[in-house]
Amino acid sequence: MRSAAEYLQKRPHARPATIAHRIKVAATVEQLQREIAAKGMTANRKRKSLVELFLPWLRRRT
């Protein structure tokens, strides 16, 4: 997503509300990316795949 400054360069007559919305969205996205990075990849491995559930002997060796 483009920053508010890039958006303002391309559209110099943009509404102030649009610029404020762009800034708010960019801040939210940045915060969520930091939270995802802080949790790490271990949070994604909580659920087992269907193969691991029904065929435990067929699971991948890691």
PDB file of N, CA and C in Angstrom:
ATOM      1  N   MET A   1       0.846  -1.180   0.000  1.00  0.00           N
ATOM      2  CA  MET A   1       0.000   0.000   0.000  1.00  0.00           C
ATOM      3  C   MET A   1       0.885   1.235   0.000  1.00  0.00           C
ATOM      4  N   ARG A   2       0.508   2.189  -0.793  1.00  0.00           N
ATOM      5  CA  ARG A   2       1.276   3.421  -0.867  1.00  0.00           C
ATOM      6  C   ARG A   2       1.080   4.263   0.384  1.00  0.00           C
ATOM      7  N   SER A   3       2.094   5.038   0.686  1.00  0.00           N
ATOM      8  CA  SER A   3       1.985   5.904   1.859  1.00  0.00           C
ATOM      9  C   SER A   3       1.137   7.124   1.517  1.00  0.00           C
ATOM     10  N   ALA A   4       0.804   7.874   2.530  1.00  0.00           N
ATOM     11  CA  ALA A   4      -0.017   9.073   2.332  1.00  0.00           C
ATOM     12  C   ALA A   4       0.745  10.116   1.519  1.00  0.00           C
ATOM     13  N   ALA A   5       2.056  10.184   1.706  1.00  0.00           N
ATOM     14  CA  ALA A   5       2.858  11.158   0.957  1.00  0.00           C
ATOM     15  C   ALA A   5       2.852  10.837  -0.540  1.00  0.00           C
ATOM     16  N   GLU A   6       2.976   9.557  -0.879  1.00  0.00           N
ATOM     17  CA  GLU A   6       2.937   9.168  -2.285  1.00  0.00           C
ATOM     18  C   GLU A   6       1.564   9.444  -2.883  1.00  0.00           C
ATOM     19  N   TYR A   7       0.525   9.172  -2.121  1.00  0.00           N
ATOM     20  CA  TYR A   7      -0.840   9.419  -2.579  1.00  0.00           C
ATOM     21  C   TYR A   7      -1.051  10.910  -2.813  1.00  0.00           C
ATOM     22  N   LEU A   8      -0.523  11.731  -1.911  1.00  0.00           N
ATOM     23  CA  LEU A   8      -0.673  13.174  -2.023  1.00  0.00           C
ATOM     24  C   LEU A   8       0.121  13.728  -3.203  1.00  0.00           C
ATOM     25  N   GLN A   9       1.262  13.115  -3.507  1.00  0.00           N
ATOM     26  CA  GLN A   9       2.039  13.537  -4.676  1.00  0.00           C
ATOM     27  C   GLN A   9       1.268  13.268  -5.960  1.00  0.00           C
ATOM     28  N   LYS A  10       0.625  12.128  -6.030  1.00  0.00           N
ATOM     29  CA  LYS A  10      -0.109  11.759  -7.238  1.00  0.00           C
ATOM     30  C   LYS A  10      -1.419  12.528  -7.361  1.00  0.00           C
ATOM     31  N   ARG A  11      -2.054  12.796  -6.234  1.00  0.00           N
ATOM     32  CA  ARG A  11      -3.329  13.519  -6.216  1.00  0.00           C
ATOM     33  C   ARG A  11      -3.215  14.713  -5.270  1.00  0.00           C
ATOM     34  N   PRO A  12      -2.694  15.833  -5.751  1.00  0.00           N
ATOM     35  CA  PRO A  12      -2.444  16.978  -4.859  1.00  0.00           C
ATOM     36  C   PRO A  12      -3.710  17.601  -4.273  1.00  0.00           C
ATOM     37  N   HIS A  13      -4.872  17.367  -4.866  1.00  0.00           N
ATOM     38  CA  HIS A  13      -6.106  17.961  -4.372  1.00  0.00           C
ATOM     39  C   HIS A  13      -6.950  16.963  -3.587  1.00  0.00           C
ATOM     40  N   ALA A  14      -6.305  15.987  -3.012  1.00  0.00           N
ATOM     41  CA  ALA A  14      -7.035  14.970  -2.242  1.00  0.00           C
ATOM     42  C   ALA A  14      -7.630  15.590  -0.987  1.00  0.00           C
ATOM     43  N   ARG A  15      -8.728  15.013  -0.555  1.00  0.00           N
ATOM     44  CA  ARG A  15      -9.397  15.513   0.645  1.00  0.00           C
ATOM     45  C   ARG A  15      -8.564  15.195   1.893  1.00  0.00           C
ATOM     46  N   PRO A  16      -8.624  16.071   2.879  1.00  0.00           N
ATOM     47  CA  PRO A  16      -7.899  15.799   4.123  1.00  0.00           C
ATOM     48  C   PRO A  16      -8.374  14.522   4.817  1.00  0.00           C
ATOM     49  N   ALA A  17      -9.643  14.204   4.684  1.00  0.00           N
ATOM     50  CA  ALA A  17     -10.166  12.980   5.293  1.00  0.00           C
ATOM     51  C   ALA A  17      -9.547  11.744   4.643  1.00  0.00           C
ATOM     52  N   THR A  18      -9.321  11.800   3.337  1.00  0.00           N
ATOM     53  CA  THR A  18      -8.707  10.680   2.633  1.00  0.00           C
ATOM     54  C   THR A  18      -7.269  10.499   3.092  1.00  0.00           C
ATOM     55  N   ILE A  19      -6.554  11.592   3.239  1.00  0.00           N
ATOM     56  CA  ILE A  19      -5.165  11.530   3.702  1.00  0.00           C
ATOM     57  C   ILE A  19      -5.109  10.964   5.127  1.00  0.00           C
ATOM     58  N   ALA A  20      -6.014  11.430   5.974  1.00  0.00           N
ATOM     59  CA  ALA A  20      -6.049  10.929   7.350  1.00  0.00           C
ATOM     60  C   ALA A  20      -6.374   9.441   7.380  1.00  0.00           C
ATOM     61  N   HIS A  21      -7.285   9.006   6.512  1.00  0.00           N
ATOM     62  CA  HIS A  21      -7.630   7.589   6.441  1.00  0.00           C
ATOM     63  C   HIS A  21      -6.426   6.765   5.995  1.00  0.00           C
ATOM     64  N   ARG A  22      -5.702   7.246   5.002  1.00  0.00           N
ATOM     65  CA  ARG A  22      -4.498   6.543   4.532  1.00  0.00           C
ATOM     66  C   ARG A  22      -3.468   6.403   5.645  1.00  0.00           C
ATOM     67  N   ILE A  23      -3.283   7.459   6.434  1.00  0.00           N
ATOM     68  CA  ILE A  23      -2.326   7.422   7.537  1.00  0.00           C
ATOM     69  C   ILE A  23      -2.771   6.420   8.589  1.00  0.00           C
ATOM     70  N   LYS A  24      -4.067   6.409   8.894  1.00  0.00           N
ATOM     71  CA  LYS A  24      -4.606   5.486   9.900  1.00  0.00           C
ATOM     72  C   LYS A  24      -4.462   4.039   9.445  1.00  0.00           C
ATOM     73  N   VAL A  25      -4.757   3.770   8.187  1.00  0.00           N
ATOM     74  CA  VAL A  25      -4.642   2.406   7.656  1.00  0.00           C
ATOM     75  C   VAL A  25      -3.189   1.957   7.675  1.00  0.00           C
ATOM     76  N   ALA A  26      -2.276   2.824   7.282  1.00  0.00           N
ATOM     77  CA  ALA A  26      -0.854   2.475   7.277  1.00  0.00           C
ATOM     78  C   ALA A  26      -0.365   2.161   8.693  1.00  0.00           C
ATOM     79  N   ALA A  27      -0.820   2.920   9.677  1.00  0.00           N
ATOM     80  CA  ALA A  27      -0.422   2.674  11.062  1.00  0.00           C
ATOM     81  C   ALA A  27      -0.977   1.341  11.554  1.00  0.00           C
ATOM     82  N   THR A  28      -2.207   1.030  11.207  1.00  0.00           N
ATOM     83  CA  THR A  28      -2.828  -0.231  11.614  1.00  0.00           C
ATOM     84  C   THR A  28      -2.105  -1.419  10.987  1.00  0.00           C
ATOM     85  N   VAL A  29      -1.792  -1.310   9.707  1.00  0.00           N
ATOM     86  CA  VAL A  29      -1.086  -2.391   9.016  1.00  0.00           C
ATOM     87  C   VAL A  29       0.292  -2.601   9.634  1.00  0.00           C
ATOM     88  N   GLU A  30       0.982  -1.535   9.939  1.00  0.00           N
ATOM     89  CA  GLU A  30       2.303  -1.642  10.554  1.00  0.00           C
ATOM     90  C   GLU A  30       2.225  -2.307  11.924  1.00  0.00           C
ATOM     91  N   GLN A  31       1.221  -1.947  12.714  1.00  0.00           N
ATOM     92  CA  GLN A  31       1.048  -2.541  14.042  1.00  0.00           C
ATOM     93  C   GLN A  31       0.745  -4.035  13.932  1.00  0.00           C
ATOM     94  N   LEU A  32      -0.125  -4.406  12.997  1.00  0.00           N
ATOM     95  CA  LEU A  32      -0.462  -5.819  12.825  1.00  0.00           C
ATOM     96  C   LEU A  32       0.743  -6.624  12.352  1.00  0.00           C
ATOM     97  N   GLN A  33       1.555  -6.046  11.473  1.00  0.00           N
ATOM     98  CA  GLN A  33       2.755  -6.744  11.015  1.00  0.00           C
ATOM     99  C   GLN A  33       3.745  -6.952  12.158  1.00  0.00           C
ATOM    100  N   ARG A  34       3.856  -5.962  13.050  1.00  0.00           N
ATOM    101  CA  ARG A  34       4.733  -6.120  14.207  1.00  0.00           C
ATOM    102  C   ARG A  34       4.216  -7.222  15.136  1.00  0.00           C
ATOM    103  N   GLU A  35       2.898  -7.289  15.334  1.00  0.00           N
ATOM    104  CA  GLU A  35       2.321  -8.328  16.189  1.00  0.00           C
ATOM    105  C   GLU A  35       2.529  -9.716  15.594  1.00  0.00           C
ATOM    106  N   ILE A  36       2.369  -9.828  14.294  1.00  0.00           N
ATOM    107  CA  ILE A  36       2.576 -11.118  13.631  1.00  0.00           C
ATOM    108  C   ILE A  36       4.029 -11.536  13.750  1.00  0.00           C
ATOM    109  N   ALA A  37       4.947 -10.603  13.563  1.00  0.00           N
ATOM    110  CA  ALA A  37       6.371 -10.917  13.677  1.00  0.00           C
ATOM    111  C   ALA A  37       6.730 -11.299  15.112  1.00  0.00           C
ATOM    112  N   ALA A  38       6.086 -10.671  16.090  1.00  0.00           N
ATOM    113  CA  ALA A  38       6.378 -10.983  17.488  1.00  0.00           C
ATOM    114  C   ALA A  38       5.901 -12.383  17.856  1.00  0.00           C
ATOM    115  N   LYS A  39       4.763 -12.791  17.319  1.00  0.00           N
ATOM    116  CA  LYS A  39       4.254 -14.134  17.610  1.00  0.00           C
ATOM    117  C   LYS A  39       5.113 -15.202  16.957  1.00  0.00           C
ATOM    118  N   GLY A  40       5.629 -14.907  15.790  1.00  0.00           N
ATOM    119  CA  GLY A  40       6.472 -15.870  15.096  1.00  0.00           C
ATOM    120  C   GLY A  40       5.651 -16.906  14.357  1.00  0.00           C
ATOM    121  N   MET A  41       6.332 -17.875  13.829  1.00  0.00           N
ATOM    122  CA  MET A  41       5.684 -18.899  13.024  1.00  0.00           C
ATOM    123  C   MET A  41       5.098 -20.025  13.876  1.00  0.00           C
ATOM    124  N   THR A  42       5.388 -20.079  15.164  1.00  0.00           N
ATOM    125  CA  THR A  42       4.880 -21.172  15.993  1.00  0.00           C
ATOM    126  C   THR A  42       3.378 -21.095  16.183  1.00  0.00           C
ATOM    127  N   ALA A  43       2.807 -19.910  16.082  1.00  0.00           N
ATOM    128  CA  ALA A  43       1.365 -19.763  16.272  1.00  0.00           C
ATOM    129  C   ALA A  43       0.583 -20.425  15.139  1.00  0.00           C
ATOM    130  N   ASN A  44       1.186 -20.540  13.972  1.00  0.00           N
ATOM    131  CA  ASN A  44       0.483 -21.118  12.832  1.00  0.00           C
ATOM    132  C   ASN A  44       0.441 -22.642  12.875  1.00  0.00           C
ATOM    133  N   ARG A  45       1.247 -23.278  13.706  1.00  0.00           N
ATOM    134  CA  ARG A  45       1.321 -24.733  13.726  1.00  0.00           C
ATOM    135  C   ARG A  45       0.455 -25.363  14.809  1.00  0.00           C
ATOM    136  N   LYS A  46      -0.489 -24.660  15.360  1.00  0.00           N
ATOM    137  CA  LYS A  46      -1.338 -25.212  16.411  1.00  0.00           C
ATOM    138  C   LYS A  46      -2.341 -26.210  15.861  1.00  0.00           C
ATOM    139  N   ARG A  47      -2.809 -25.997  14.646  1.00  0.00           N
ATOM    140  CA  ARG A  47      -3.797 -26.898  14.064  1.00  0.00           C
ATOM    141  C   ARG A  47      -3.111 -27.987  13.263  1.00  0.00           C
ATOM    142  N   LYS A  48      -3.617 -29.193  13.361  1.00  0.00           N
ATOM    143  CA  LYS A  48      -3.076 -30.301  12.588  1.00  0.00           C
ATOM    144  C   LYS A  48      -3.792 -30.376  11.249  1.00  0.00           C
ATOM    145  N   SER A  49      -3.072 -30.845  10.251  1.00  0.00           N
ATOM    146  CA  SER A  49      -3.694 -31.035   8.956  1.00  0.00           C
ATOM    147  C   SER A  49      -4.543 -32.304   8.984  1.00  0.00           C
ATOM    148  N   LEU A  50      -5.341 -32.504   7.966  1.00  0.00           N
ATOM    149  CA  LEU A  50      -6.181 -33.704   7.899  1.00  0.00           C
ATOM    150  C   LEU A  50      -5.338 -34.968   7.848  1.00  0.00           C
ATOM    151  N   VAL A  51      -4.198 -34.893   7.167  1.00  0.00           N
ATOM    152  CA  VAL A  51      -3.329 -36.064   7.093  1.00  0.00           C
ATOM    153  C   VAL A  51      -2.793 -36.400   8.481  1.00  0.00           C
ATOM    154  N   GLU A  52      -2.378 -35.403   9.235  1.00  0.00           N
ATOM    155  CA  GLU A  52      -1.861 -35.652  10.582  1.00  0.00           C
ATOM    156  C   GLU A  52      -2.946 -36.173  11.524  1.00  0.00           C
ATOM    157  N   LEU A  53      -4.181 -35.751  11.311  1.00  0.00           N
ATOM    158  CA  LEU A  53      -5.263 -36.208  12.184  1.00  0.00           C
ATOM    159  C   LEU A  53      -5.625 -37.670  11.943  1.00  0.00           C
ATOM    160  N   PHE A  54      -5.774 -38.048  10.675  1.00  0.00           N
ATOM    161  CA  PHE A  54      -6.299 -39.373  10.359  1.00  0.00           C
ATOM    162  C   PHE A  54      -5.230 -40.403  10.022  1.00  0.00           C
ATOM    163  N   LEU A  55      -4.050 -39.935   9.633  1.00  0.00           N
ATOM    164  CA  LEU A  55      -2.966 -40.857   9.306  1.00  0.00           C
ATOM    165  C   LEU A  55      -1.693 -40.422  10.030  1.00  0.00           C
ATOM    166  N   PRO A  56      -1.627 -40.591  11.335  1.00  0.00           N
ATOM    167  CA  PRO A  56      -0.476 -40.076  12.071  1.00  0.00           C
ATOM    168  C   PRO A  56       0.844 -40.721  11.657  1.00  0.00           C
ATOM    169  N   TRP A  57       0.809 -41.933  11.153  1.00  0.00           N
ATOM    170  CA  TRP A  57       2.027 -42.613  10.734  1.00  0.00           C
ATOM    171  C   TRP A  57       2.559 -42.064   9.415  1.00  0.00           C
ATOM    172  N   LEU A  58       1.754 -41.244   8.708  1.00  0.00           N
ATOM    173  CA  LEU A  58       2.161 -40.710   7.409  1.00  0.00           C
ATOM    174  C   LEU A  58       2.704 -39.276   7.505  1.00  0.00           C
ATOM    175  N   ARG A  59       2.778 -38.749   8.711  1.00  0.00           N
ATOM    176  CA  ARG A  59       3.185 -37.350   8.851  1.00  0.00           C
ATOM    177  C   ARG A  59       4.613 -37.143   8.386  1.00  0.00           C
ATOM    178  N   ARG A  60       4.919 -35.914   8.044  1.00  0.00           N
ATOM    179  CA  ARG A  60       6.242 -35.570   7.552  1.00  0.00           C
ATOM    180  C   ARG A  60       7.245 -35.537   8.700  1.00  0.00           C
ATOM    181  N   ARG A  61       8.429 -35.932   8.433  1.00  0.00           N
ATOM    182  CA  ARG A  61       9.510 -35.860   9.421  1.00  0.00           C
ATOM    183  C   ARG A  61      10.209 -34.511   9.269  1.00  0.00           C
ATOM    184  N   THR A  62      10.216 -33.731  10.335  1.00  0.00           N
ATOM    185  CA  THR A  62      10.862 -32.410  10.251  1.00  0.00           C
ATOM    186  C   THR A  62      11.988 -32.300  11.246  1.00  0.00           C
TER     187      THR A  62
END
